Amino acid sequence: MTQKILMNVQMNCQKCQTKALTVAAEANGVNFVGLEGAEKDKVVVIGDGVDAAMLATAMRKKVGHTDFISVAEVKKGN
């Protein structure tokens, strides 16, 4: 099941944004990682079988305060 995880992460500088993307990319099953929002404070992770709770825990430990905005299944349109 491919899912899209959107998280709000406290990032104060460019280095924090890079660290957040690195932590997200290291998770198992991740296919895409990106930043969204006007202030680039939302991390988008798309992947197959990604454990959202483990990802949020890793973000909190290595980057800063993290909140889930949404976790949704990605449906492929044919």
Protein backbone atom coordinates (compact mmCIF):
# COMPACT_ATOMS: atom_id res chain seq x y z
CA MET A 1 0.00 0.00 0.00
CA THR A 2 1.52 3.29 -1.10
CA GLN A 3 0.86 6.11 1.32
CA LYS A 4 1.46 9.84 1.56
CA ILE A 5 2.54 11.18 4.95
CA LEU A 6 2.43 14.92 5.60
CA MET A 7 4.17 16.19 8.74
CA ASN A 8 4.76 19.62 10.21
CA VAL A 9 8.36 19.76 11.47
CA GLN A 10 9.97 22.59 13.43
CA MET A 11 12.86 23.70 11.22
CA ASN A 12 14.66 26.96 11.94
CA CYS A 13 17.36 26.98 9.26
CA GLN A 14 18.46 25.47 5.95
CA LYS A 15 20.59 22.90 7.79
CA CYS A 16 17.50 21.68 9.68
CA GLN A 17 15.59 21.28 6.40
CA THR A 18 18.43 19.22 4.95
CA LYS A 19 18.57 17.07 8.09
CA ALA A 20 14.81 16.47 7.98
CA LEU A 21 14.95 15.36 4.35
CA THR A 22 17.90 13.07 5.10
CA VAL A 23 16.15 11.44 8.06
CA ALA A 24 12.98 10.90 6.01
CA ALA A 25 14.90 9.47 3.04
CA GLU A 26 16.66 6.91 5.27
CA ALA A 27 13.35 5.28 6.32
CA ASN A 28 12.48 1.92 4.80
CA GLY A 29 10.12 1.98 1.82
CA VAL A 30 10.40 5.70 0.99
CA ASN A 31 10.05 6.61 -2.71
CA PHE A 32 9.75 10.42 -2.53
CA VAL A 33 10.64 13.12 0.01
CA GLY A 34 9.92 16.82 -0.35
CA LEU A 35 9.10 20.09 1.42
CA GLU A 36 5.78 21.93 1.15
CA GLY A 37 4.21 25.06 2.53
CA ALA A 38 5.01 28.73 2.26
CA GLU A 39 7.70 28.45 4.92
CA LYS A 40 8.92 25.01 3.76
CA ASP A 41 8.01 23.59 7.18
CA LYS A 42 5.98 20.59 6.00
CA VAL A 43 7.71 17.35 5.03
CA VAL A 44 5.98 15.09 2.49
CA VAL A 45 6.94 11.41 2.37
CA ILE A 46 5.51 9.02 -0.21
CA GLY A 47 6.35 5.35 0.00
CA ASP A 48 5.26 1.77 0.21
CA GLY A 49 4.94 0.34 3.73
CA VAL A 50 6.48 3.33 5.53
CA ASP A 51 6.00 3.20 9.32
CA ALA A 52 4.70 6.69 10.09
CA ALA A 53 5.16 6.41 13.85
CA MET A 54 8.80 5.34 13.56
CA LEU A 55 9.41 8.14 11.05
CA ALA A 56 7.93 10.75 13.40
CA THR A 57 9.99 9.41 16.31
CA ALA A 58 13.19 9.67 14.26
CA MET A 59 12.27 13.24 13.22
CA ARG A 60 11.65 14.25 16.83
CA LYS A 61 14.98 12.81 17.97
CA LYS A 62 17.14 14.23 15.19
CA VAL A 63 15.39 17.42 13.99
CA GLY A 64 12.77 18.83 16.34
CA HIS A 65 9.09 18.93 17.23
CA THR A 66 7.02 16.96 14.70
CA ASP A 67 3.23 16.75 14.21
CA PHE A 68 1.27 14.62 11.76
CA ILE A 69 -1.00 16.54 9.42
CA SER A 70 -2.24 13.56 7.43
CA VAL A 71 -1.54 9.98 6.48
CA ALA A 72 -3.43 8.86 3.38
CA GLU A 73 -3.35 6.08 0.84
CA VAL A 74 -2.23 7.12 -2.64
CA LYS A 75 -4.61 5.83 -5.30
CA LYS A 76 -3.29 5.30 -8.80
CA GLY A 77 -5.67 6.58 -11.45
CA ASN A 78 -5.91 4.64 -14.71
